[in-house]
C-alpha cells in the first residue's frame, strides 16, 4: 500500500490518492515496484473514476510490464461497483483480468446487501478484503447479517481469497487463524516503515 511520511514523521496514506491521474499513479508505481521483492502481489486501490478513465487499459498494461515477476491486483471498494456506473466498472474489471490482473473487493461489510452483491460478482473476484473493525462487537447481543465466518465459507466455495485488514491484537490474529484466514494486514503484523535503500 502506498504511504508517505508526513511532517511529524508518521506514515499516512497520500492525500486523496484517488485524485491522482493514472499517469501520476504509473510514475509512482515504477519507483515503488523496485522495492518490492519478486513474487509478491502488487495491489493498487483505484477509484471508480480511475477505473473508468479512458487511459485505463494502457495503464494496466504498463503496470504489468514494469515487472513480470509481480502479480497485479486491482482493488476497489464494494460501493464503487454499485449504482448507474456498475456495468461500466464491471467491464473494466473483466478487461483488467483478461490482461492478467487479479481483482479484489475492499470494504466488504456485514450486510445482506453486501453478500447479495458479491454473489452477483463472484466470477470476477479473486480476493475479498474485510476489515476487523466491522466484526468487533461492542455489545454481546449485537447482530451481524453476515459474520466473518460466513465470508470465509463463501470465499472457499468460490475459490476466493479472504484478506483480513485492521488486525491489531492477539485476539484478532487468533480469530483469523481459527477461521483459516491466511492473509492479514494491520498493526499486529507491522506498521508502515521506510524502505531502506
N, C-alpha and C. Protein backbone atom coordinates (compact mmCIF):
# COMPACT_ATOMS: atom_id res chain seq x y z
N UNK A 1 0.84 -1.17 0.00
CA UNK A 1 0.00 0.00 0.00
C UNK A 1 0.89 1.24 0.00
N UNK A 2 0.51 2.19 -0.79
CA UNK A 2 1.28 3.41 -0.93
C UNK A 2 1.13 4.27 0.32
N UNK A 3 2.26 4.66 0.90
CA UNK A 3 2.27 5.51 2.09
C UNK A 3 3.34 6.58 1.91
N UNK A 4 3.17 7.70 2.59
CA UNK A 4 4.19 8.74 2.60
C UNK A 4 4.37 9.21 4.03
N UNK A 5 5.55 9.76 4.31
CA UNK A 5 5.82 10.25 5.66
C UNK A 5 5.40 11.72 5.73
N UNK A 6 4.63 12.07 6.78
CA UNK A 6 4.21 13.46 6.94
C UNK A 6 5.28 14.25 7.69
N UNK A 7 5.01 15.54 7.92
CA UNK A 7 5.99 16.42 8.56
C UNK A 7 6.33 16.00 9.99
N UNK A 8 5.42 15.26 10.63
CA UNK A 8 5.66 14.80 12.01
C UNK A 8 6.39 13.46 12.05
N UNK A 9 6.77 12.93 10.88
CA UNK A 9 7.48 11.66 10.83
C UNK A 9 6.59 10.44 10.95
N UNK A 10 5.28 10.60 10.67
CA UNK A 10 4.34 9.49 10.74
C UNK A 10 3.93 9.08 9.33
N UNK A 11 3.69 7.77 9.15
CA UNK A 11 3.26 7.27 7.85
C UNK A 11 1.77 7.52 7.67
N UNK A 12 1.38 7.90 6.46
CA UNK A 12 -0.02 8.15 6.17
C UNK A 12 -0.30 7.83 4.70
N UNK A 13 -1.58 7.64 4.40
CA UNK A 13 -1.99 7.47 3.02
C UNK A 13 -1.84 8.84 2.35
N UNK A 14 -1.27 8.89 1.14
CA UNK A 14 -1.14 10.19 0.48
C UNK A 14 -2.49 10.88 0.37
N UNK A 15 -2.46 12.18 0.46
CA UNK A 15 -3.70 12.94 0.42
C UNK A 15 -4.47 12.63 -0.84
N UNK A 16 -5.66 12.11 -0.67
CA UNK A 16 -6.58 11.82 -1.76
C UNK A 16 -5.91 11.13 -2.95
N UNK A 17 -5.34 9.91 -2.74
CA UNK A 17 -4.66 9.24 -3.85
C UNK A 17 -5.57 8.99 -5.04
N UNK A 18 -6.90 8.95 -4.80
CA UNK A 18 -7.80 8.72 -5.92
C UNK A 18 -7.91 9.95 -6.83
N UNK A 19 -7.30 11.07 -6.43
CA UNK A 19 -7.27 12.25 -7.29
C UNK A 19 -6.07 12.23 -8.23
N UNK A 20 -5.16 11.27 -8.03
CA UNK A 20 -4.02 11.14 -8.93
C UNK A 20 -4.52 10.71 -10.30
N UNK A 21 -3.90 11.25 -11.32
CA UNK A 21 -4.20 10.74 -12.65
C UNK A 21 -3.52 9.37 -12.78
N UNK A 22 -3.96 8.59 -13.74
CA UNK A 22 -3.32 7.29 -13.94
C UNK A 22 -1.86 7.46 -14.34
N UNK A 23 -1.54 8.53 -15.05
CA UNK A 23 -0.15 8.81 -15.42
C UNK A 23 0.70 9.07 -14.17
N UNK A 24 0.17 9.86 -13.23
CA UNK A 24 0.88 10.11 -11.97
C UNK A 24 1.02 8.82 -11.17
N UNK A 25 -0.04 8.03 -11.14
CA UNK A 25 -0.03 6.76 -10.43
C UNK A 25 1.05 5.86 -11.01
N UNK A 26 1.14 5.82 -12.34
CA UNK A 26 2.13 4.97 -13.00
C UNK A 26 3.55 5.39 -12.64
N UNK A 27 3.80 6.69 -12.60
CA UNK A 27 5.13 7.17 -12.22
C UNK A 27 5.49 6.73 -10.80
N UNK A 28 4.54 6.80 -9.88
CA UNK A 28 4.78 6.33 -8.51
C UNK A 28 5.00 4.82 -8.48
N UNK A 29 4.22 4.09 -9.26
CA UNK A 29 4.34 2.63 -9.27
C UNK A 29 5.71 2.18 -9.78
N UNK A 30 6.23 2.87 -10.79
CA UNK A 30 7.54 2.48 -11.34
C UNK A 30 8.61 2.51 -10.26
N UNK A 31 8.55 3.49 -9.39
CA UNK A 31 9.52 3.58 -8.29
C UNK A 31 9.21 2.58 -7.18
N UNK A 32 7.94 2.49 -6.80
CA UNK A 32 7.55 1.63 -5.68
C UNK A 32 7.83 0.16 -5.96
N UNK A 33 7.57 -0.28 -7.17
CA UNK A 33 7.73 -1.69 -7.51
C UNK A 33 9.18 -2.15 -7.39
N UNK A 34 10.13 -1.24 -7.59
CA UNK A 34 11.55 -1.59 -7.48
C UNK A 34 11.89 -2.13 -6.09
N UNK A 35 11.17 -1.68 -5.08
CA UNK A 35 11.49 -2.07 -3.71
C UNK A 35 10.70 -3.28 -3.22
N UNK A 36 9.83 -3.83 -4.05
CA UNK A 36 9.00 -4.97 -3.65
C UNK A 36 9.68 -6.25 -4.12
N UNK A 37 9.91 -7.20 -3.21
CA UNK A 37 10.56 -8.46 -3.62
C UNK A 37 9.77 -9.17 -4.72
N UNK A 38 10.49 -9.78 -5.65
CA UNK A 38 9.84 -10.53 -6.73
C UNK A 38 8.93 -11.60 -6.16
N UNK A 39 7.84 -11.83 -6.85
CA UNK A 39 6.90 -12.86 -6.45
C UNK A 39 5.78 -12.36 -5.56
N UNK A 40 5.89 -11.15 -5.05
CA UNK A 40 4.82 -10.61 -4.21
C UNK A 40 3.79 -9.89 -5.07
N UNK A 41 2.54 -9.93 -4.61
CA UNK A 41 1.48 -9.19 -5.28
C UNK A 41 1.71 -7.70 -5.14
N UNK A 42 1.32 -6.96 -6.15
CA UNK A 42 1.32 -5.51 -6.11
C UNK A 42 -0.14 -5.09 -6.23
N UNK A 43 -0.70 -4.60 -5.13
CA UNK A 43 -2.11 -4.21 -5.12
C UNK A 43 -2.23 -2.70 -5.25
N UNK A 44 -3.09 -2.27 -6.16
CA UNK A 44 -3.35 -0.85 -6.30
C UNK A 44 -4.84 -0.60 -6.13
N UNK A 45 -5.14 0.37 -5.30
CA UNK A 45 -6.53 0.70 -5.00
C UNK A 45 -6.96 1.82 -5.92
N UNK A 46 -7.94 1.55 -6.77
CA UNK A 46 -8.41 2.53 -7.73
C UNK A 46 -9.85 2.94 -7.44
N UNK A 47 -10.13 4.20 -7.66
CA UNK A 47 -11.48 4.72 -7.50
C UNK A 47 -12.30 4.41 -8.75
N UNK A 48 -13.59 4.63 -8.68
CA UNK A 48 -14.46 4.45 -9.84
C UNK A 48 -13.98 5.32 -11.00
N UNK A 49 -13.62 6.56 -10.70
CA UNK A 49 -13.17 7.48 -11.75
C UNK A 49 -11.91 6.96 -12.43
N UNK A 50 -10.99 6.39 -11.66
CA UNK A 50 -9.77 5.85 -12.25
C UNK A 50 -10.06 4.60 -13.07
N UNK A 51 -10.97 3.75 -12.59
CA UNK A 51 -11.34 2.56 -13.35
C UNK A 51 -11.97 2.92 -14.69
N UNK A 52 -12.73 4.01 -14.72
CA UNK A 52 -13.44 4.40 -15.94
C UNK A 52 -12.65 5.37 -16.81
N UNK A 53 -11.45 5.70 -16.42
CA UNK A 53 -10.61 6.61 -17.18
C UNK A 53 -10.31 6.01 -18.55
N UNK A 54 -10.35 6.81 -19.62
CA UNK A 54 -10.06 6.28 -20.96
C UNK A 54 -8.66 5.65 -21.08
N UNK A 55 -7.74 6.04 -20.20
CA UNK A 55 -6.37 5.50 -20.24
C UNK A 55 -6.21 4.23 -19.41
N UNK A 56 -7.30 3.66 -18.93
CA UNK A 56 -7.23 2.51 -18.03
C UNK A 56 -6.48 1.33 -18.65
N UNK A 57 -6.84 0.94 -19.87
CA UNK A 57 -6.20 -0.24 -20.48
C UNK A 57 -4.69 -0.05 -20.65
N UNK A 58 -4.22 1.07 -21.25
CA UNK A 58 -2.76 1.22 -21.34
C UNK A 58 -2.09 1.31 -19.97
N UNK A 59 -2.79 1.88 -18.99
CA UNK A 59 -2.25 1.95 -17.63
C UNK A 59 -2.01 0.54 -17.08
N UNK A 60 -3.00 -0.33 -17.19
CA UNK A 60 -2.88 -1.70 -16.68
C UNK A 60 -1.74 -2.42 -17.40
N UNK A 61 -1.69 -2.29 -18.71
CA UNK A 61 -0.61 -2.94 -19.47
C UNK A 61 0.76 -2.44 -19.02
N UNK A 62 0.86 -1.13 -18.78
CA UNK A 62 2.14 -0.55 -18.34
C UNK A 62 2.55 -1.04 -16.97
N UNK A 63 1.60 -1.09 -16.03
CA UNK A 63 1.92 -1.55 -14.67
C UNK A 63 2.37 -3.01 -14.72
N UNK A 64 1.66 -3.83 -15.48
CA UNK A 64 2.02 -5.25 -15.59
C UNK A 64 3.42 -5.40 -16.20
N UNK A 65 3.74 -4.55 -17.18
CA UNK A 65 5.03 -4.68 -17.87
C UNK A 65 6.22 -4.20 -17.04
N UNK A 66 5.99 -3.45 -15.97
CA UNK A 66 7.10 -2.94 -15.15
C UNK A 66 7.93 -4.10 -14.61
N UNK A 67 7.27 -5.13 -14.13
CA UNK A 67 7.98 -6.30 -13.60
C UNK A 67 7.06 -7.50 -13.69
N UNK A 68 7.38 -8.40 -14.58
CA UNK A 68 6.54 -9.58 -14.81
C UNK A 68 6.53 -10.55 -13.62
N UNK A 69 7.44 -10.36 -12.66
CA UNK A 69 7.51 -11.25 -11.50
C UNK A 69 6.51 -10.89 -10.41
N UNK A 70 5.76 -9.83 -10.61
CA UNK A 70 4.73 -9.42 -9.64
C UNK A 70 3.35 -9.70 -10.22
N UNK A 71 2.43 -10.09 -9.35
CA UNK A 71 1.04 -10.24 -9.74
C UNK A 71 0.33 -8.94 -9.42
N UNK A 72 -0.27 -8.30 -10.42
CA UNK A 72 -1.01 -7.06 -10.20
C UNK A 72 -2.41 -7.38 -9.69
N UNK A 73 -2.79 -6.72 -8.62
CA UNK A 73 -4.14 -6.86 -8.06
C UNK A 73 -4.79 -5.48 -8.06
N UNK A 74 -5.90 -5.37 -8.76
CA UNK A 74 -6.68 -4.13 -8.77
C UNK A 74 -7.68 -4.24 -7.63
N UNK A 75 -7.68 -3.23 -6.78
CA UNK A 75 -8.56 -3.23 -5.61
C UNK A 75 -9.48 -2.03 -5.69
N UNK A 76 -10.76 -2.25 -5.42
CA UNK A 76 -11.71 -1.15 -5.35
C UNK A 76 -12.74 -1.46 -4.29
N UNK A 77 -13.35 -0.43 -3.76
CA UNK A 77 -14.33 -0.62 -2.70
C UNK A 77 -15.63 -1.15 -3.28
N UNK A 78 -16.32 -1.96 -2.50
CA UNK A 78 -17.57 -2.55 -2.94
C UNK A 78 -18.55 -1.47 -3.40
N UNK A 79 -18.58 -0.35 -2.71
CA UNK A 79 -19.50 0.74 -3.07
C UNK A 79 -19.23 1.28 -4.48
N UNK A 80 -18.01 1.09 -4.99
CA UNK A 80 -17.67 1.56 -6.34
C UNK A 80 -18.34 0.73 -7.43
N UNK A 81 -18.85 -0.43 -7.07
CA UNK A 81 -19.41 -1.35 -8.05
C UNK A 81 -20.94 -1.30 -8.01
N UNK A 82 -21.47 -0.26 -7.46
CA UNK A 82 -22.93 -0.12 -7.36
C UNK A 82 -23.37 1.14 -8.09
N UNK A 83 -24.63 1.19 -8.39
CA UNK A 83 -25.18 2.40 -8.98
C UNK A 83 -25.15 2.37 -10.50
N UNK A 84 -25.32 3.53 -11.07
CA UNK A 84 -25.51 3.64 -12.51
C UNK A 84 -24.25 3.30 -13.31
N UNK A 85 -23.08 3.31 -12.68
CA UNK A 85 -21.84 3.00 -13.42
C UNK A 85 -21.40 1.55 -13.24
N UNK A 86 -22.22 0.76 -12.58
CA UNK A 86 -21.83 -0.62 -12.26
C UNK A 86 -21.42 -1.42 -13.49
N UNK A 87 -22.21 -1.37 -14.55
CA UNK A 87 -21.91 -2.16 -15.75
C UNK A 87 -20.56 -1.76 -16.34
N UNK A 88 -20.29 -0.46 -16.42
CA UNK A 88 -19.02 0.01 -16.98
C UNK A 88 -17.84 -0.41 -16.11
N UNK A 89 -18.00 -0.34 -14.79
CA UNK A 89 -16.94 -0.75 -13.86
C UNK A 89 -16.66 -2.25 -14.03
N UNK A 90 -17.70 -3.05 -14.12
CA UNK A 90 -17.52 -4.49 -14.30
C UNK A 90 -16.81 -4.81 -15.61
N UNK A 91 -17.11 -4.06 -16.66
CA UNK A 91 -16.41 -4.26 -17.93
C UNK A 91 -14.92 -3.98 -17.78
N UNK A 92 -14.57 -2.95 -17.03
CA UNK A 92 -13.16 -2.62 -16.81
C UNK A 92 -12.47 -3.69 -15.97
N UNK A 93 -13.18 -4.22 -14.98
CA UNK A 93 -12.62 -5.28 -14.15
C UNK A 93 -12.34 -6.51 -15.01
N UNK A 94 -13.29 -6.86 -15.86
CA UNK A 94 -13.10 -8.02 -16.74
C UNK A 94 -11.94 -7.78 -17.72
N UNK A 95 -11.82 -6.56 -18.21
CA UNK A 95 -10.71 -6.21 -19.10
C UNK A 95 -9.38 -6.40 -18.37
N UNK A 96 -9.27 -5.86 -17.17
CA UNK A 96 -8.03 -5.98 -16.39
C UNK A 96 -7.69 -7.44 -16.14
N UNK A 97 -8.69 -8.24 -15.82
CA UNK A 97 -8.45 -9.67 -15.58
C UNK A 97 -8.00 -10.36 -16.86
N UNK A 98 -8.56 -9.96 -18.00
CA UNK A 98 -8.15 -10.58 -19.27
C UNK A 98 -6.70 -10.24 -19.62
N UNK A 99 -6.20 -9.13 -19.07
CA UNK A 99 -4.81 -8.72 -19.30
C UNK A 99 -3.85 -9.34 -18.29
N UNK A 100 -4.38 -10.07 -17.31
CA UNK A 100 -3.53 -10.76 -16.34
C UNK A 100 -3.60 -10.24 -14.93
N UNK A 101 -4.37 -9.19 -14.69
CA UNK A 101 -4.52 -8.67 -13.33
C UNK A 101 -5.55 -9.50 -12.57
N UNK A 102 -5.47 -9.44 -11.28
CA UNK A 102 -6.49 -10.04 -10.42
C UNK A 102 -7.32 -8.91 -9.83
N UNK A 103 -8.46 -9.28 -9.24
CA UNK A 103 -9.37 -8.26 -8.74
C UNK A 103 -9.74 -8.53 -7.29
N UNK A 104 -9.69 -7.46 -6.49
CA UNK A 104 -10.02 -7.53 -5.06
C UNK A 104 -11.10 -6.52 -4.73
N UNK A 105 -12.08 -6.97 -3.96
CA UNK A 105 -13.14 -6.08 -3.48
C UNK A 105 -12.81 -5.72 -2.04
N UNK A 106 -12.69 -4.42 -1.78
CA UNK A 106 -12.35 -3.89 -0.46
C UNK A 106 -13.63 -3.44 0.24
N UNK A 107 -13.53 -3.28 1.54
CA UNK A 107 -14.63 -2.77 2.37
C UNK A 107 -15.87 -3.64 2.29
N UNK A 108 -15.65 -4.96 2.34
CA UNK A 108 -16.76 -5.90 2.37
C UNK A 108 -17.33 -5.88 3.78
N UNK A 109 -18.60 -5.59 3.89
CA UNK A 109 -19.21 -5.39 5.21
C UNK A 109 -19.99 -6.57 5.73
N UNK A 110 -20.92 -6.27 6.60
CA UNK A 110 -21.65 -7.30 7.34
C UNK A 110 -23.12 -7.39 6.95
N UNK A 111 -23.49 -6.78 5.82
CA UNK A 111 -24.91 -6.72 5.47
C UNK A 111 -25.29 -7.77 4.42
N UNK A 112 -26.55 -8.10 4.41
CA UNK A 112 -27.08 -8.99 3.39
C UNK A 112 -26.91 -8.37 2.01
N UNK A 113 -27.02 -7.05 1.92
CA UNK A 113 -26.83 -6.34 0.65
C UNK A 113 -25.42 -6.62 0.09
N UNK A 114 -24.40 -6.56 0.95
CA UNK A 114 -23.03 -6.86 0.52
C UNK A 114 -22.93 -8.30 0.02
N UNK A 115 -23.53 -9.22 0.77
CA UNK A 115 -23.50 -10.63 0.40
C UNK A 115 -24.14 -10.85 -0.97
N UNK A 116 -25.30 -10.24 -1.18
CA UNK A 116 -26.00 -10.40 -2.46
C UNK A 116 -25.20 -9.80 -3.61
N UNK A 117 -24.58 -8.65 -3.37
CA UNK A 117 -23.78 -8.00 -4.42
C UNK A 117 -22.58 -8.89 -4.80
N UNK A 118 -21.90 -9.46 -3.81
CA UNK A 118 -20.75 -10.31 -4.12
C UNK A 118 -21.18 -11.59 -4.82
N UNK A 119 -22.36 -12.09 -4.51
CA UNK A 119 -22.88 -13.25 -5.23
C UNK A 119 -23.03 -12.94 -6.71
N UNK A 120 -23.43 -11.71 -7.04
CA UNK A 120 -23.57 -11.30 -8.44
C UNK A 120 -22.21 -11.20 -9.13
N UNK A 121 -21.18 -10.86 -8.38
CA UNK A 121 -19.86 -10.58 -8.94
C UNK A 121 -18.89 -11.75 -8.85
N UNK A 122 -19.32 -12.86 -8.28
CA UNK A 122 -18.42 -13.92 -7.84
C UNK A 122 -17.44 -14.38 -8.93
N UNK A 123 -17.84 -14.38 -10.17
CA UNK A 123 -16.94 -14.86 -11.23
C UNK A 123 -15.85 -13.86 -11.59
N UNK A 124 -15.95 -12.64 -11.08
CA UNK A 124 -14.95 -11.60 -11.38
C UNK A 124 -14.03 -11.30 -10.20
N UNK A 125 -14.20 -12.02 -9.10
CA UNK A 125 -13.48 -11.69 -7.86
C UNK A 125 -12.40 -12.73 -7.56
N UNK A 126 -11.22 -12.24 -7.20
CA UNK A 126 -10.13 -13.12 -6.75
C UNK A 126 -9.90 -13.01 -5.25
N UNK A 127 -10.15 -11.81 -4.70
CA UNK A 127 -9.94 -11.54 -3.27
C UNK A 127 -11.10 -10.72 -2.73
N UNK A 128 -11.42 -10.94 -1.46
CA UNK A 128 -12.29 -10.00 -0.75
C UNK A 128 -11.54 -9.56 0.50
N UNK A 129 -11.65 -8.27 0.79
CA UNK A 129 -10.97 -7.72 1.95
C UNK A 129 -12.01 -7.26 2.96
N UNK A 130 -11.93 -7.83 4.14
CA UNK A 130 -12.81 -7.46 5.25
C UNK A 130 -11.98 -6.72 6.29
N UNK A 131 -12.59 -5.76 6.95
CA UNK A 131 -11.90 -5.01 8.00
C UNK A 131 -12.35 -5.51 9.36
N UNK A 132 -11.40 -5.85 10.20
CA UNK A 132 -11.71 -6.34 11.54
C UNK A 132 -12.61 -5.37 12.30
N UNK A 133 -12.50 -4.08 12.00
CA UNK A 133 -13.35 -3.07 12.66
C UNK A 133 -14.83 -3.41 12.55
N UNK A 134 -15.22 -3.97 11.41
CA UNK A 134 -16.64 -4.27 11.17
C UNK A 134 -17.14 -5.46 12.00
N UNK A 135 -16.22 -6.28 12.48
CA UNK A 135 -16.62 -7.53 13.13
C UNK A 135 -16.39 -7.54 14.63
N UNK A 136 -15.83 -6.49 15.17
CA UNK A 136 -15.67 -6.40 16.63
C UNK A 136 -16.98 -5.92 17.22
N UNK A 137 -17.64 -6.77 17.96
CA UNK A 137 -18.92 -6.39 18.57
C UNK A 137 -18.67 -5.57 19.82
N UNK A 138 -19.44 -4.51 19.97
CA UNK A 138 -19.35 -3.70 21.18
C UNK A 138 -20.35 -4.16 22.22
N UNK A 139 -21.39 -4.83 21.76
CA UNK A 139 -22.43 -5.37 22.65
C UNK A 139 -22.61 -6.85 22.34
N UNK A 140 -22.75 -7.71 23.35
CA UNK A 140 -22.90 -9.15 23.10
C UNK A 140 -24.12 -9.50 22.26
N UNK A 141 -25.18 -8.71 22.37
CA UNK A 141 -26.40 -9.02 21.63
C UNK A 141 -26.42 -8.41 20.22
N UNK A 142 -25.35 -7.72 19.84
CA UNK A 142 -25.27 -7.09 18.52
C UNK A 142 -25.35 -8.17 17.44
N UNK A 143 -26.14 -7.91 16.39
CA UNK A 143 -26.37 -8.88 15.33
C UNK A 143 -25.70 -8.42 14.04
N UNK A 144 -24.99 -9.34 13.41
CA UNK A 144 -24.40 -9.09 12.10
C UNK A 144 -25.11 -9.98 11.09
N UNK A 145 -25.60 -9.41 10.00
CA UNK A 145 -26.25 -10.22 8.97
C UNK A 145 -25.29 -11.27 8.42
N UNK A 146 -24.05 -10.84 8.16
CA UNK A 146 -23.03 -11.73 7.62
C UNK A 146 -21.79 -11.59 8.50
N UNK A 147 -21.41 -12.67 9.18
CA UNK A 147 -20.22 -12.59 10.03
C UNK A 147 -18.98 -13.03 9.24
N UNK A 148 -17.85 -12.90 9.87
CA UNK A 148 -16.58 -13.21 9.21
C UNK A 148 -16.51 -14.67 8.76
N UNK A 149 -17.02 -15.56 9.60
CA UNK A 149 -17.05 -16.98 9.23
C UNK A 149 -17.87 -17.23 7.98
N UNK A 150 -18.95 -16.48 7.81
CA UNK A 150 -19.78 -16.61 6.61
C UNK A 150 -19.00 -16.21 5.36
N UNK A 151 -18.19 -15.14 5.47
CA UNK A 151 -17.39 -14.72 4.33
C UNK A 151 -16.33 -15.76 4.00
N UNK A 152 -15.75 -16.38 5.02
CA UNK A 152 -14.74 -17.41 4.78
C UNK A 152 -15.37 -18.59 4.04
N UNK A 153 -16.54 -19.01 4.47
CA UNK A 153 -17.25 -20.11 3.81
C UNK A 153 -17.57 -19.74 2.36
N UNK A 154 -18.12 -18.54 2.16
CA UNK A 154 -18.44 -18.04 0.82
C UNK A 154 -17.20 -18.08 -0.07
N UNK A 155 -16.10 -17.56 0.45
CA UNK A 155 -14.86 -17.49 -0.32
C UNK A 155 -14.36 -18.88 -0.70
N UNK A 156 -14.36 -19.80 0.25
CA UNK A 156 -13.89 -21.17 -0.05
C UNK A 156 -14.75 -21.82 -1.12
N UNK A 157 -16.06 -21.60 -1.06
CA UNK A 157 -16.97 -22.19 -2.05
C UNK A 157 -16.69 -21.69 -3.46
N UNK A 158 -16.13 -20.49 -3.57
CA UNK A 158 -15.94 -19.86 -4.88
C UNK A 158 -14.48 -19.66 -5.27
N UNK A 159 -13.55 -20.22 -4.50
CA UNK A 159 -12.13 -20.09 -4.82
C UNK A 159 -11.60 -18.67 -4.68
N UNK A 160 -12.13 -17.94 -3.72
CA UNK A 160 -11.74 -16.56 -3.47
C UNK A 160 -10.89 -16.52 -2.20
N UNK A 161 -9.90 -15.64 -2.17
CA UNK A 161 -9.03 -15.48 -1.01
C UNK A 161 -9.59 -14.36 -0.13
N UNK A 162 -9.64 -14.61 1.19
CA UNK A 162 -10.06 -13.58 2.14
C UNK A 162 -8.82 -12.92 2.73
N UNK A 163 -8.83 -11.59 2.74
CA UNK A 163 -7.78 -10.80 3.39
C UNK A 163 -8.46 -10.06 4.54
N UNK A 164 -7.93 -10.21 5.73
CA UNK A 164 -8.49 -9.52 6.90
C UNK A 164 -7.60 -8.34 7.24
N UNK A 165 -8.17 -7.13 7.16
CA UNK A 165 -7.43 -5.90 7.43
C UNK A 165 -7.72 -5.41 8.85
N UNK A 166 -6.89 -4.49 9.30
CA UNK A 166 -7.01 -3.87 10.62
C UNK A 166 -6.92 -4.90 11.75
N UNK A 167 -6.04 -5.88 11.55
CA UNK A 167 -5.74 -6.86 12.58
C UNK A 167 -4.75 -6.20 13.53
N UNK A 168 -5.18 -5.96 14.77
CA UNK A 168 -4.38 -5.15 15.69
C UNK A 168 -4.01 -5.84 16.99
N UNK A 169 -4.63 -6.97 17.32
CA UNK A 169 -4.38 -7.62 18.61
C UNK A 169 -4.16 -9.11 18.43
N UNK A 170 -3.69 -9.75 19.50
CA UNK A 170 -3.57 -11.22 19.50
C UNK A 170 -4.92 -11.86 19.23
N UNK A 171 -5.98 -11.30 19.81
CA UNK A 171 -7.32 -11.86 19.62
C UNK A 171 -7.75 -11.78 18.16
N UNK A 172 -7.48 -10.64 17.51
CA UNK A 172 -7.81 -10.50 16.08
C UNK A 172 -7.07 -11.55 15.26
N UNK A 173 -5.78 -11.67 15.52
CA UNK A 173 -4.95 -12.61 14.77
C UNK A 173 -5.40 -14.05 15.05
N UNK A 174 -5.70 -14.34 16.30
CA UNK A 174 -6.17 -15.68 16.66
C UNK A 174 -7.47 -16.04 15.95
N UNK A 175 -8.38 -15.07 15.85
CA UNK A 175 -9.64 -15.31 15.15
C UNK A 175 -9.38 -15.59 13.67
N UNK A 176 -8.49 -14.83 13.07
CA UNK A 176 -8.15 -15.05 11.66
C UNK A 176 -7.63 -16.47 11.45
N UNK A 177 -6.72 -16.90 12.31
CA UNK A 177 -6.16 -18.25 12.19
C UNK A 177 -7.23 -19.32 12.43
N UNK A 178 -8.07 -19.09 13.43
CA UNK A 178 -9.14 -20.04 13.75
C UNK A 178 -10.09 -20.22 12.55
N UNK A 179 -10.34 -19.14 11.83
CA UNK A 179 -11.24 -19.19 10.68
C UNK A 179 -10.55 -19.64 9.39
N UNK A 180 -9.23 -19.80 9.44
CA UNK A 180 -8.50 -20.23 8.26
C UNK A 180 -8.16 -19.10 7.31
N UNK A 181 -8.12 -17.87 7.82
CA UNK A 181 -7.72 -16.72 7.01
C UNK A 181 -6.20 -16.62 7.06
N UNK A 182 -5.56 -16.76 5.91
CA UNK A 182 -4.10 -16.79 5.86
C UNK A 182 -3.45 -15.45 5.51
N UNK A 183 -4.26 -14.46 5.16
CA UNK A 183 -3.72 -13.16 4.77
C UNK A 183 -4.31 -12.09 5.67
N UNK A 184 -3.43 -11.43 6.42
CA UNK A 184 -3.87 -10.37 7.34
C UNK A 184 -3.01 -9.13 7.13
N UNK A 185 -3.60 -7.98 7.44
CA UNK A 185 -2.90 -6.70 7.41
C UNK A 185 -3.25 -5.95 8.68
N UNK A 186 -2.37 -5.10 9.12
CA UNK A 186 -2.67 -4.27 10.28
C UNK A 186 -1.48 -4.12 11.19
N UNK A 187 -1.65 -3.32 12.22
CA UNK A 187 -0.55 -3.04 13.15
C UNK A 187 -0.04 -4.28 13.85
N UNK A 188 -0.84 -5.33 13.94
CA UNK A 188 -0.37 -6.57 14.58
C UNK A 188 0.80 -7.15 13.79
N UNK A 189 0.72 -7.06 12.46
CA UNK A 189 1.77 -7.63 11.61
C UNK A 189 2.89 -6.65 11.32
N UNK A 190 2.67 -5.37 11.56
CA UNK A 190 3.72 -4.38 11.36
C UNK A 190 3.19 -3.05 10.89
N UNK A 191 3.81 -2.02 11.38
CA UNK A 191 3.45 -0.67 10.96
C UNK A 191 4.20 -0.34 9.67
N UNK A 192 3.68 0.60 8.88
CA UNK A 192 4.42 1.00 7.69
C UNK A 192 5.81 1.48 8.08
N UNK A 193 6.79 1.18 7.26
CA UNK A 193 8.16 1.60 7.58
C UNK A 193 8.85 2.13 6.34
N UNK A 194 9.89 2.89 6.58
CA UNK A 194 10.65 3.46 5.48
C UNK A 194 11.45 2.36 4.81
N UNK A 195 11.48 2.40 3.50
CA UNK A 195 12.24 1.42 2.74
C UNK A 195 13.71 1.80 2.79
N UNK A 196 14.54 0.85 3.20
CA UNK A 196 15.98 1.09 3.28
C UNK A 196 16.60 0.79 1.92
N UNK A 197 17.36 1.73 1.41
CA UNK A 197 17.98 1.51 0.09
C UNK A 197 19.33 0.87 0.23
